[in-house]
């Protein structure tokens, strides 16, 4: 929905979508969302085969000029291989979360939000930046406790073991510098002064300000586009927006012989 609607607002003449089958058919809610957003064609097709069909075309699907939308590692690689044949929005890899927190919040809340993103996949980074050693230790303890009871623990535990990290800083300025270095897809700020990070950070996909602003709300209900840069790409690009579907075209005209002569 967020991808189709963005393309439609940009004025794209033809917007097609693909969604994988579930028990032999596309989920009705997906069809409804895509239709309401303005999709012209909806196909029951998913994964790399959908990417190939849209890029190269088939007997029944006319090829497109641009591919947009997130997917798993295989979809991201397919988009990379096809770049040049078609345009792409960005490379959206495994979901990432970075939490910036001080001692105004507790370890249980931080651990819950870290694992809430780590459970997306075994290669999903979850990072905490804090200036509180107490919070860092409490978060570690809470992660261990939560992993003992979460139904998604096999995935979240693997992600945390391989890609989890806690970075202890001394000052808010150091926290900003570390966050900008990582350039995470999602950055949730749980500090006494979240606006400090809004005003000073430069590299992130989306910023979630305050302990109440959970990243999952951005996934589902807040409304900002959630096709976001991963893998440090937030250093040089933002998330999907109308401008990704626009292009600049220039033209020239010489109207006099004198001007032509001056040019040579």
Protein backbone atom coordinates (compact mmCIF):
# COMPACT_ATOMS: atom_id res chain seq x y z
CA UNK A 1 0.00 0.00 0.00
CA UNK A 2 2.71 2.50 0.98
CA UNK A 3 4.60 1.77 -2.24
CA UNK A 4 1.62 1.84 -4.60
CA UNK A 5 0.21 5.03 -3.12
CA UNK A 6 3.55 6.81 -3.39
CA UNK A 7 3.87 5.89 -7.07
CA UNK A 8 0.30 6.95 -7.74
CA UNK A 9 0.78 10.34 -6.08
CA UNK A 10 3.89 10.81 -8.23
CA UNK A 11 1.71 10.41 -11.32
CA UNK A 12 2.92 7.05 -12.61
CA UNK A 13 0.70 5.98 -15.51
CA UNK A 14 0.77 2.26 -14.71
CA UNK A 15 1.30 0.66 -11.32
CA UNK A 16 1.31 -3.11 -10.91
CA UNK A 17 1.75 -5.20 -7.78
CA UNK A 18 2.62 -8.77 -6.93
CA UNK A 19 1.76 -10.65 -3.75
CA UNK A 20 2.53 -14.30 -2.95
CA UNK A 21 -0.30 -16.81 -2.62
CA UNK A 22 -1.52 -18.02 0.74
CA UNK A 23 -3.40 -21.30 0.52
CA UNK A 24 -3.69 -20.84 -3.23
CA UNK A 25 -4.78 -17.22 -3.39
CA UNK A 26 -3.75 -13.70 -2.42
CA UNK A 27 -4.97 -12.61 0.99
CA UNK A 28 -8.10 -10.51 0.54
CA UNK A 29 -6.75 -7.76 2.80
CA UNK A 30 -3.69 -7.37 0.59
CA UNK A 31 -5.84 -7.10 -2.53
CA UNK A 32 -8.05 -4.52 -0.83
CA UNK A 33 -5.09 -2.41 0.32
CA UNK A 34 -3.45 -2.49 -3.11
CA UNK A 35 -6.68 -1.69 -4.92
CA UNK A 36 -7.52 1.19 -2.59
CA UNK A 37 -4.01 2.58 -3.08
CA UNK A 38 -4.55 2.62 -6.84
CA UNK A 39 -2.90 -0.47 -8.31
CA UNK A 40 -3.85 -1.04 -11.95
CA UNK A 41 -2.92 -4.72 -12.01
CA UNK A 42 -2.53 -7.20 -9.13
CA UNK A 43 -0.81 -10.55 -9.65
CA UNK A 44 -0.69 -13.64 -7.46
CA UNK A 45 3.07 -14.03 -7.57
CA UNK A 46 5.88 -13.55 -5.07
CA UNK A 47 9.61 -13.68 -4.50
CA UNK A 48 12.34 -13.56 -7.12
CA UNK A 49 9.99 -14.87 -9.79
CA UNK A 50 7.76 -11.84 -9.30
CA UNK A 51 10.74 -9.51 -9.59
CA UNK A 52 11.83 -11.19 -12.84
CA UNK A 53 8.32 -11.14 -14.29
CA UNK A 54 7.91 -7.44 -13.66
CA UNK A 55 11.36 -6.53 -15.00
CA UNK A 56 11.42 -8.71 -18.13
CA UNK A 57 7.72 -9.24 -18.72
CA UNK A 58 5.87 -12.46 -19.52
CA UNK A 59 3.16 -13.49 -21.97
CA UNK A 60 0.60 -11.88 -19.67
CA UNK A 61 2.57 -9.22 -17.76
CA UNK A 62 4.01 -6.21 -19.58
CA UNK A 63 7.44 -5.16 -18.22
CA UNK A 64 7.81 -2.13 -15.98
CA UNK A 65 10.40 0.65 -15.84
CA UNK A 66 10.98 0.62 -12.08
CA UNK A 67 10.83 -1.83 -9.19
CA UNK A 68 9.98 -0.65 -5.69
CA UNK A 69 9.33 -2.25 -2.36
CA UNK A 70 11.12 -4.27 0.32
CA UNK A 71 11.70 -8.01 0.44
CA UNK A 72 13.97 -10.71 1.76
CA UNK A 73 17.65 -11.16 0.88
CA UNK A 74 16.77 -12.94 -2.38
CA UNK A 75 14.50 -10.13 -3.50
CA UNK A 76 17.14 -7.53 -2.62
CA UNK A 77 19.76 -9.42 -4.64
CA UNK A 78 17.38 -9.79 -7.59
CA UNK A 79 16.82 -6.03 -7.58
CA UNK A 80 20.56 -5.43 -7.46
CA UNK A 81 21.14 -7.70 -10.46
CA UNK A 82 18.38 -6.00 -12.42
CA UNK A 83 19.50 -2.44 -11.69
CA UNK A 84 20.17 -0.87 -15.08
CA UNK A 85 17.62 -3.04 -16.83
CA UNK A 86 15.06 -1.25 -14.67
CA UNK A 87 15.25 1.43 -12.03
CA UNK A 88 14.99 0.51 -8.38
CA UNK A 89 13.95 2.47 -5.32
CA UNK A 90 16.71 1.32 -2.95
CA UNK A 91 18.28 -1.82 -1.56
CA UNK A 92 16.17 -2.77 1.45
CA UNK A 93 17.94 -5.58 3.28
CA UNK A 94 17.25 -7.18 6.68
CA UNK A 95 15.37 -4.92 9.08
CA UNK A 96 17.51 -2.97 11.56
CA UNK A 97 16.78 -1.21 14.82
CA UNK A 98 18.89 1.16 16.89
CA UNK A 99 17.72 2.40 20.28
CA UNK A 100 19.22 5.49 21.88
CA UNK A 101 18.37 5.55 25.58
CA UNK A 102 19.39 7.06 28.91
CA UNK A 103 18.46 6.17 32.48
CA UNK A 104 15.01 7.72 32.13
CA UNK A 105 13.75 4.34 30.86
CA UNK A 106 14.12 0.81 32.19
CA UNK A 107 15.85 -2.22 30.76
CA UNK A 108 12.65 -4.18 30.22
CA UNK A 109 11.26 -1.60 27.81
CA UNK A 110 14.52 -1.35 25.88
CA UNK A 111 14.92 -5.14 25.70
CA UNK A 112 11.33 -5.58 24.53
CA UNK A 113 11.77 -3.12 21.68
CA UNK A 114 15.14 -4.54 20.65
CA UNK A 115 13.78 -8.08 20.47
CA UNK A 116 10.62 -6.85 18.77
CA UNK A 117 12.78 -6.09 15.74
CA UNK A 118 15.36 -8.86 16.17
CA UNK A 119 12.59 -11.43 15.80
CA UNK A 120 12.10 -10.34 12.17
CA UNK A 121 15.00 -12.53 11.06
CA UNK A 122 18.24 -14.15 12.16
CA UNK A 123 20.25 -11.44 10.39
CA UNK A 124 18.40 -8.43 11.82
CA UNK A 125 20.73 -6.10 13.78
CA UNK A 126 19.48 -4.72 17.11
CA UNK A 127 21.70 -2.12 18.76
CA UNK A 128 21.48 -0.05 21.94
CA UNK A 129 23.43 3.18 22.40
CA UNK A 130 23.33 4.50 25.96
CA UNK A 131 25.25 6.66 28.42
CA UNK A 132 24.04 4.58 31.37
CA UNK A 133 26.03 1.50 32.37
CA UNK A 134 23.18 0.50 34.69
CA UNK A 135 20.69 0.55 31.82
CA UNK A 136 23.09 -1.44 29.64
CA UNK A 137 23.42 -4.18 32.27
CA UNK A 138 19.69 -4.23 33.01
CA UNK A 139 18.91 -4.49 29.31
CA UNK A 140 21.22 -7.49 28.94
CA UNK A 141 19.51 -9.20 31.87
CA UNK A 142 16.04 -8.46 30.49
CA UNK A 143 16.96 -9.76 27.05
CA UNK A 144 18.06 -13.04 28.61
CA UNK A 145 14.82 -13.24 30.60
CA UNK A 146 12.58 -12.45 27.65
CA UNK A 147 14.33 -14.93 25.39
CA UNK A 148 13.43 -17.67 27.85
CA UNK A 149 9.73 -17.15 27.18
CA UNK A 150 9.27 -15.60 23.73
CA UNK A 151 7.74 -17.88 21.07
CA UNK A 152 10.04 -16.19 18.55
CA UNK A 153 13.13 -16.82 20.70
CA UNK A 154 14.91 -19.15 18.22
CA UNK A 155 15.03 -16.33 15.65
CA UNK A 156 15.49 -13.40 18.03
CA UNK A 157 18.21 -15.15 20.04
CA UNK A 158 20.21 -15.94 16.91
CA UNK A 159 19.88 -12.36 15.67
CA UNK A 160 20.93 -10.97 19.06
CA UNK A 161 23.87 -13.36 19.35
CA UNK A 162 25.23 -12.55 15.90
CA UNK A 163 24.14 -8.95 15.35
CA UNK A 164 23.15 -7.54 18.74
CA UNK A 165 25.26 -4.81 20.29
CA UNK A 166 25.30 -2.39 23.21
CA UNK A 167 27.48 0.71 22.87
CA UNK A 168 28.26 2.69 26.03
CA UNK A 169 28.95 6.40 25.49
CA UNK A 170 29.82 9.25 27.82
CA UNK A 171 27.92 12.18 26.33
CA UNK A 172 24.88 12.85 24.13
CA UNK A 173 27.27 14.19 21.48
CA UNK A 174 29.11 10.87 21.40
CA UNK A 175 25.78 9.07 21.16
CA UNK A 176 24.86 11.18 18.12
CA UNK A 177 28.21 10.44 16.48
CA UNK A 178 27.86 6.68 17.02
CA UNK A 179 24.29 6.67 15.73
CA UNK A 180 25.30 8.58 12.60
CA UNK A 181 28.18 6.16 12.04
CA UNK A 182 25.81 3.18 12.13
CA UNK A 183 23.13 4.92 10.00
CA UNK A 184 20.40 2.49 11.01
CA UNK A 185 17.09 1.92 9.27
CA UNK A 186 15.03 2.54 12.43
CA UNK A 187 16.23 4.73 15.31
CA UNK A 188 14.12 4.94 18.45
CA UNK A 189 15.08 7.66 20.93
CA UNK A 190 14.15 7.09 24.58
CA UNK A 191 15.84 9.95 26.40
CA UNK A 192 14.86 12.96 28.48
CA UNK A 193 15.48 15.20 25.48
CA UNK A 194 14.72 13.30 22.26
CA UNK A 195 14.66 16.54 20.29
CA UNK A 196 18.42 16.84 20.78
CA UNK A 197 18.83 13.83 18.51
CA UNK A 198 16.23 15.08 16.04
CA UNK A 199 18.16 18.34 15.71
CA UNK A 200 21.63 16.82 15.51
CA UNK A 201 21.43 13.41 13.82
CA UNK A 202 21.89 13.17 10.05
CA UNK A 203 21.97 9.48 9.13
CA UNK A 204 18.88 7.33 9.68
CA UNK A 205 15.98 5.85 7.78
CA UNK A 206 13.27 6.90 10.21
CA UNK A 207 13.43 8.46 13.68
CA UNK A 208 10.99 7.45 16.43
CA UNK A 209 10.96 10.04 19.18
CA UNK A 210 10.02 9.13 22.74
CA UNK A 211 9.48 5.91 24.65
CA UNK A 212 5.87 5.65 23.43
CA UNK A 213 6.84 5.81 19.75
CA UNK A 214 7.55 2.16 19.12
CA UNK A 215 9.05 1.17 15.77
CA UNK A 216 6.19 -1.28 15.23
CA UNK A 217 3.78 1.65 15.06
CA UNK A 218 5.75 2.89 12.08
CA UNK A 219 5.46 -0.56 10.52
CA UNK A 220 1.69 -0.63 10.83
CA UNK A 221 -0.21 2.55 11.65
CA UNK A 222 1.66 5.87 11.86
CA UNK A 223 1.58 6.44 8.11
CA UNK A 224 5.11 7.44 7.09
CA UNK A 225 6.58 5.35 4.30
CA UNK A 226 8.35 2.33 5.71
CA UNK A 227 10.46 1.32 2.73
CA UNK A 228 13.72 2.50 4.28
CA UNK A 229 17.47 2.27 3.63
CA UNK A 230 19.44 -0.46 5.41
CA UNK A 231 23.06 -1.56 5.61
CA UNK A 232 24.35 1.97 6.22
CA UNK A 233 22.69 3.36 3.08
CA UNK A 234 21.04 6.06 5.20
CA UNK A 235 24.38 7.88 4.90
CA UNK A 236 23.47 8.86 1.34
CA UNK A 237 19.75 8.27 0.79
CA UNK A 238 16.42 8.40 2.55
CA UNK A 239 13.39 6.19 2.37
CA UNK A 240 10.92 5.80 -0.45
CA UNK A 241 9.10 9.02 -1.35
CA UNK A 242 7.33 10.59 -4.31
CA UNK A 243 10.61 11.92 -5.71
CA UNK A 244 11.89 8.38 -6.30
CA UNK A 245 9.29 8.06 -9.07
CA UNK A 246 10.08 11.42 -10.68
CA UNK A 247 12.85 12.24 -13.13
CA UNK A 248 14.32 15.52 -14.34
CA UNK A 249 14.44 16.15 -18.09
CA UNK A 250 16.24 19.13 -19.64
CA UNK A 251 15.88 20.68 -23.07
CA UNK A 252 17.73 23.32 -25.12
CA UNK A 253 16.95 25.57 -28.08
CA UNK A 254 19.16 28.02 -30.00
CA UNK A 255 16.96 30.61 -31.72
CA UNK A 256 19.32 32.93 -33.64
CA UNK A 257 22.14 32.56 -36.15
CA UNK A 258 24.19 35.00 -34.08
CA UNK A 259 24.01 32.79 -31.01
CA UNK A 260 24.92 29.77 -33.09
CA UNK A 261 27.91 31.63 -34.54
CA UNK A 262 29.12 32.64 -31.09
CA UNK A 263 29.02 29.04 -29.99
CA UNK A 264 31.14 28.14 -32.99
